[in-house]
Amino acid sequence: MNRFEGGSGKEARLRYLDGDFQILTPGSHVICAMTGRPIMVDELKYWSVDRQEAYVDAAASLEAEKRAGNLPNQRR
């Protein structure tokens, strides 16, 4: 099966890896953990391996890191 084949209109379930992801359940999109917006699987660029979350853009990813306290010189 092609990576993006099948599951049209359904939410995909992914396992986020370093530099890649594995499709557990085919679908057309995932949901951004910060904004709740859908992200097409073939456009997914930002995620957290540790938290197993997807992000719609770099700003959402940065906000997630801030909330997790994972930035240098950040007070918790």
N, C-alpha and C. Protein backbone atom coordinates (compact mmCIF):
# COMPACT_ATOMS: atom_id res chain seq x y z
N MET A 1 0.85 -1.19 0.00
CA MET A 1 0.00 0.00 0.00
C MET A 1 0.89 1.24 0.00
N ASN A 2 0.51 2.20 -0.79
CA ASN A 2 1.20 3.48 -0.81
C ASN A 2 1.03 4.15 0.55
N ARG A 3 2.00 4.92 0.97
CA ARG A 3 2.00 5.57 2.28
C ARG A 3 0.72 6.39 2.52
N PHE A 4 0.21 7.06 1.50
CA PHE A 4 -0.93 7.96 1.67
C PHE A 4 -2.22 7.41 1.07
N GLU A 5 -2.20 6.14 0.73
CA GLU A 5 -3.34 5.52 0.10
C GLU A 5 -4.41 5.15 1.12
N GLY A 6 -5.66 5.23 0.73
CA GLY A 6 -6.74 4.74 1.57
C GLY A 6 -7.11 5.69 2.69
N GLY A 7 -8.24 5.42 3.33
CA GLY A 7 -8.66 6.18 4.48
C GLY A 7 -9.07 7.60 4.18
N SER A 8 -9.49 7.86 2.97
CA SER A 8 -9.85 9.22 2.58
C SER A 8 -10.91 9.80 3.50
N GLY A 9 -10.62 10.95 4.06
CA GLY A 9 -11.54 11.62 4.95
C GLY A 9 -11.47 11.17 6.40
N LYS A 10 -10.77 10.08 6.67
CA LYS A 10 -10.65 9.56 8.03
C LYS A 10 -9.38 10.10 8.69
N GLU A 11 -9.40 10.14 10.02
CA GLU A 11 -8.19 10.51 10.76
C GLU A 11 -7.25 9.31 10.81
N ALA A 12 -5.99 9.56 10.48
CA ALA A 12 -4.97 8.52 10.53
C ALA A 12 -4.43 8.39 11.96
N ARG A 13 -3.92 7.23 12.28
CA ARG A 13 -3.16 7.03 13.52
C ARG A 13 -1.72 6.77 13.12
N LEU A 14 -0.81 7.55 13.69
CA LEU A 14 0.60 7.45 13.33
C LEU A 14 1.46 7.19 14.55
N ARG A 15 2.61 6.58 14.33
CA ARG A 15 3.66 6.50 15.34
C ARG A 15 4.76 7.43 14.85
N TYR A 16 5.06 8.44 15.65
CA TYR A 16 6.03 9.46 15.25
C TYR A 16 7.43 9.01 15.64
N LEU A 17 8.31 8.98 14.67
CA LEU A 17 9.69 8.54 14.84
C LEU A 17 10.63 9.70 14.56
N ASP A 18 11.91 9.51 14.80
CA ASP A 18 12.90 10.54 14.48
C ASP A 18 13.01 10.69 12.97
N GLY A 19 12.52 11.81 12.44
CA GLY A 19 12.63 12.11 11.01
C GLY A 19 11.64 11.39 10.12
N ASP A 20 10.73 10.62 10.68
CA ASP A 20 9.75 9.90 9.88
C ASP A 20 8.59 9.50 10.78
N PHE A 21 7.58 8.91 10.20
CA PHE A 21 6.47 8.38 10.98
C PHE A 21 5.99 7.09 10.34
N GLN A 22 5.34 6.27 11.14
CA GLN A 22 4.80 5.01 10.69
C GLN A 22 3.28 5.09 10.75
N ILE A 23 2.62 4.69 9.69
CA ILE A 23 1.16 4.70 9.66
C ILE A 23 0.64 3.44 10.33
N LEU A 24 -0.10 3.63 11.42
CA LEU A 24 -0.71 2.51 12.13
C LEU A 24 -2.12 2.24 11.60
N THR A 25 -2.87 3.30 11.34
CA THR A 25 -4.21 3.22 10.75
C THR A 25 -4.27 4.24 9.63
N PRO A 26 -4.49 3.81 8.39
CA PRO A 26 -4.53 4.75 7.27
C PRO A 26 -5.63 5.80 7.44
N GLY A 27 -5.34 6.96 6.93
CA GLY A 27 -6.30 8.06 6.94
C GLY A 27 -5.72 9.22 6.17
N SER A 28 -6.52 10.24 5.97
CA SER A 28 -6.08 11.37 5.17
C SER A 28 -5.40 12.45 6.00
N HIS A 29 -5.67 12.46 7.33
CA HIS A 29 -5.17 13.57 8.14
C HIS A 29 -4.96 13.13 9.60
N VAL A 30 -4.25 13.99 10.33
CA VAL A 30 -4.11 13.89 11.78
C VAL A 30 -4.55 15.24 12.34
N ILE A 31 -4.69 15.32 13.66
CA ILE A 31 -5.15 16.55 14.30
C ILE A 31 -3.99 17.19 15.06
N CYS A 32 -3.81 18.49 14.88
CA CYS A 32 -2.77 19.23 15.59
C CYS A 32 -3.09 19.23 17.09
N ALA A 33 -2.11 18.85 17.90
CA ALA A 33 -2.29 18.78 19.35
C ALA A 33 -2.47 20.15 19.98
N MET A 34 -2.00 21.20 19.33
CA MET A 34 -2.09 22.55 19.90
C MET A 34 -3.30 23.33 19.40
N THR A 35 -3.64 23.19 18.14
CA THR A 35 -4.70 24.02 17.54
C THR A 35 -6.00 23.27 17.28
N GLY A 36 -5.92 21.94 17.21
CA GLY A 36 -7.10 21.15 16.87
C GLY A 36 -7.39 21.13 15.38
N ARG A 37 -6.54 21.78 14.59
CA ARG A 37 -6.75 21.83 13.14
C ARG A 37 -6.28 20.53 12.49
N PRO A 38 -6.96 20.10 11.42
CA PRO A 38 -6.51 18.91 10.70
C PRO A 38 -5.24 19.21 9.89
N ILE A 39 -4.39 18.21 9.78
CA ILE A 39 -3.16 18.29 8.99
C ILE A 39 -3.18 17.11 8.03
N MET A 40 -3.12 17.38 6.74
CA MET A 40 -3.06 16.30 5.77
C MET A 40 -1.78 15.51 6.00
N VAL A 41 -1.87 14.19 5.99
CA VAL A 41 -0.72 13.34 6.27
C VAL A 41 0.43 13.65 5.32
N ASP A 42 0.13 13.89 4.06
CA ASP A 42 1.20 14.16 3.10
C ASP A 42 1.82 15.55 3.26
N GLU A 43 1.26 16.38 4.15
CA GLU A 43 1.82 17.71 4.43
C GLU A 43 2.41 17.81 5.84
N LEU A 44 2.38 16.72 6.60
CA LEU A 44 2.85 16.72 7.98
C LEU A 44 4.37 16.90 8.04
N LYS A 45 4.81 17.93 8.78
CA LYS A 45 6.24 18.25 8.89
C LYS A 45 6.71 18.38 10.34
N TYR A 46 5.79 18.60 11.27
CA TYR A 46 6.16 18.87 12.66
C TYR A 46 5.47 17.91 13.60
N TRP A 47 6.26 17.27 14.48
CA TRP A 47 5.71 16.38 15.49
C TRP A 47 6.70 16.20 16.62
N SER A 48 6.22 15.64 17.71
CA SER A 48 7.07 15.31 18.85
C SER A 48 7.13 13.80 19.01
N VAL A 49 8.33 13.26 18.98
CA VAL A 49 8.52 11.84 19.21
C VAL A 49 8.19 11.51 20.67
N ASP A 50 8.67 12.35 21.59
CA ASP A 50 8.45 12.10 23.02
C ASP A 50 6.97 12.13 23.40
N ARG A 51 6.24 13.10 22.89
CA ARG A 51 4.83 13.25 23.25
C ARG A 51 3.88 12.57 22.26
N GLN A 52 4.42 12.08 21.13
CA GLN A 52 3.62 11.44 20.08
C GLN A 52 2.45 12.34 19.67
N GLU A 53 2.80 13.59 19.32
CA GLU A 53 1.82 14.60 18.90
C GLU A 53 2.24 15.22 17.58
N ALA A 54 1.26 15.60 16.80
CA ALA A 54 1.50 16.32 15.54
C ALA A 54 1.18 17.79 15.73
N TYR A 55 1.85 18.64 14.93
CA TYR A 55 1.64 20.09 14.99
C TYR A 55 1.47 20.63 13.57
N VAL A 56 0.58 21.58 13.44
CA VAL A 56 0.24 22.14 12.14
C VAL A 56 1.38 22.97 11.54
N ASP A 57 2.18 23.61 12.39
CA ASP A 57 3.28 24.45 11.89
C ASP A 57 4.34 24.61 12.98
N ALA A 58 5.40 25.33 12.63
CA ALA A 58 6.51 25.52 13.57
C ALA A 58 6.08 26.29 14.81
N ALA A 59 5.18 27.25 14.67
CA ALA A 59 4.71 28.02 15.82
C ALA A 59 3.99 27.12 16.82
N ALA A 60 3.17 26.21 16.34
CA ALA A 60 2.46 25.28 17.23
C ALA A 60 3.45 24.34 17.90
N SER A 61 4.46 23.89 17.17
CA SER A 61 5.49 23.03 17.74
C SER A 61 6.27 23.75 18.83
N LEU A 62 6.63 25.00 18.58
CA LEU A 62 7.36 25.80 19.57
C LEU A 62 6.50 26.01 20.82
N GLU A 63 5.23 26.30 20.65
CA GLU A 63 4.34 26.48 21.80
C GLU A 63 4.25 25.20 22.63
N ALA A 64 4.20 24.05 21.97
CA ALA A 64 4.17 22.78 22.68
C ALA A 64 5.44 22.57 23.49
N GLU A 65 6.58 22.93 22.91
CA GLU A 65 7.85 22.82 23.62
C GLU A 65 7.88 23.74 24.83
N LYS A 66 7.38 24.95 24.66
CA LYS A 66 7.31 25.89 25.78
C LYS A 66 6.45 25.33 26.91
N ARG A 67 5.28 24.82 26.56
CA ARG A 67 4.38 24.26 27.58
C ARG A 67 4.99 23.07 28.29
N ALA A 68 5.80 22.31 27.57
CA ALA A 68 6.45 21.14 28.17
C ALA A 68 7.69 21.51 28.96
N GLY A 69 8.12 22.79 28.86
CA GLY A 69 9.31 23.24 29.58
C GLY A 69 10.60 22.70 29.01
N ASN A 70 10.61 22.48 27.70
CA ASN A 70 11.78 21.88 27.04
C ASN A 70 12.70 22.86 26.33
N LEU A 71 12.59 24.13 26.62
CA LEU A 71 13.46 25.11 25.96
C LEU A 71 14.56 25.55 26.91
N PRO A 72 15.77 25.76 26.40
CA PRO A 72 16.87 26.24 27.25
C PRO A 72 16.53 27.58 27.90
N ASN A 73 17.02 27.80 29.09
CA ASN A 73 16.82 29.05 29.83
C ASN A 73 15.36 29.34 30.13
N GLN A 74 14.56 28.31 30.18
CA GLN A 74 13.13 28.50 30.48
C GLN A 74 12.88 28.04 31.91
N ARG A 75 12.23 28.89 32.66
CA ARG A 75 11.88 28.55 34.04
C ARG A 75 10.62 27.69 34.05
N ARG A 76 10.59 26.76 34.97
CA ARG A 76 9.41 25.89 35.08
C ARG A 76 8.55 26.32 36.22
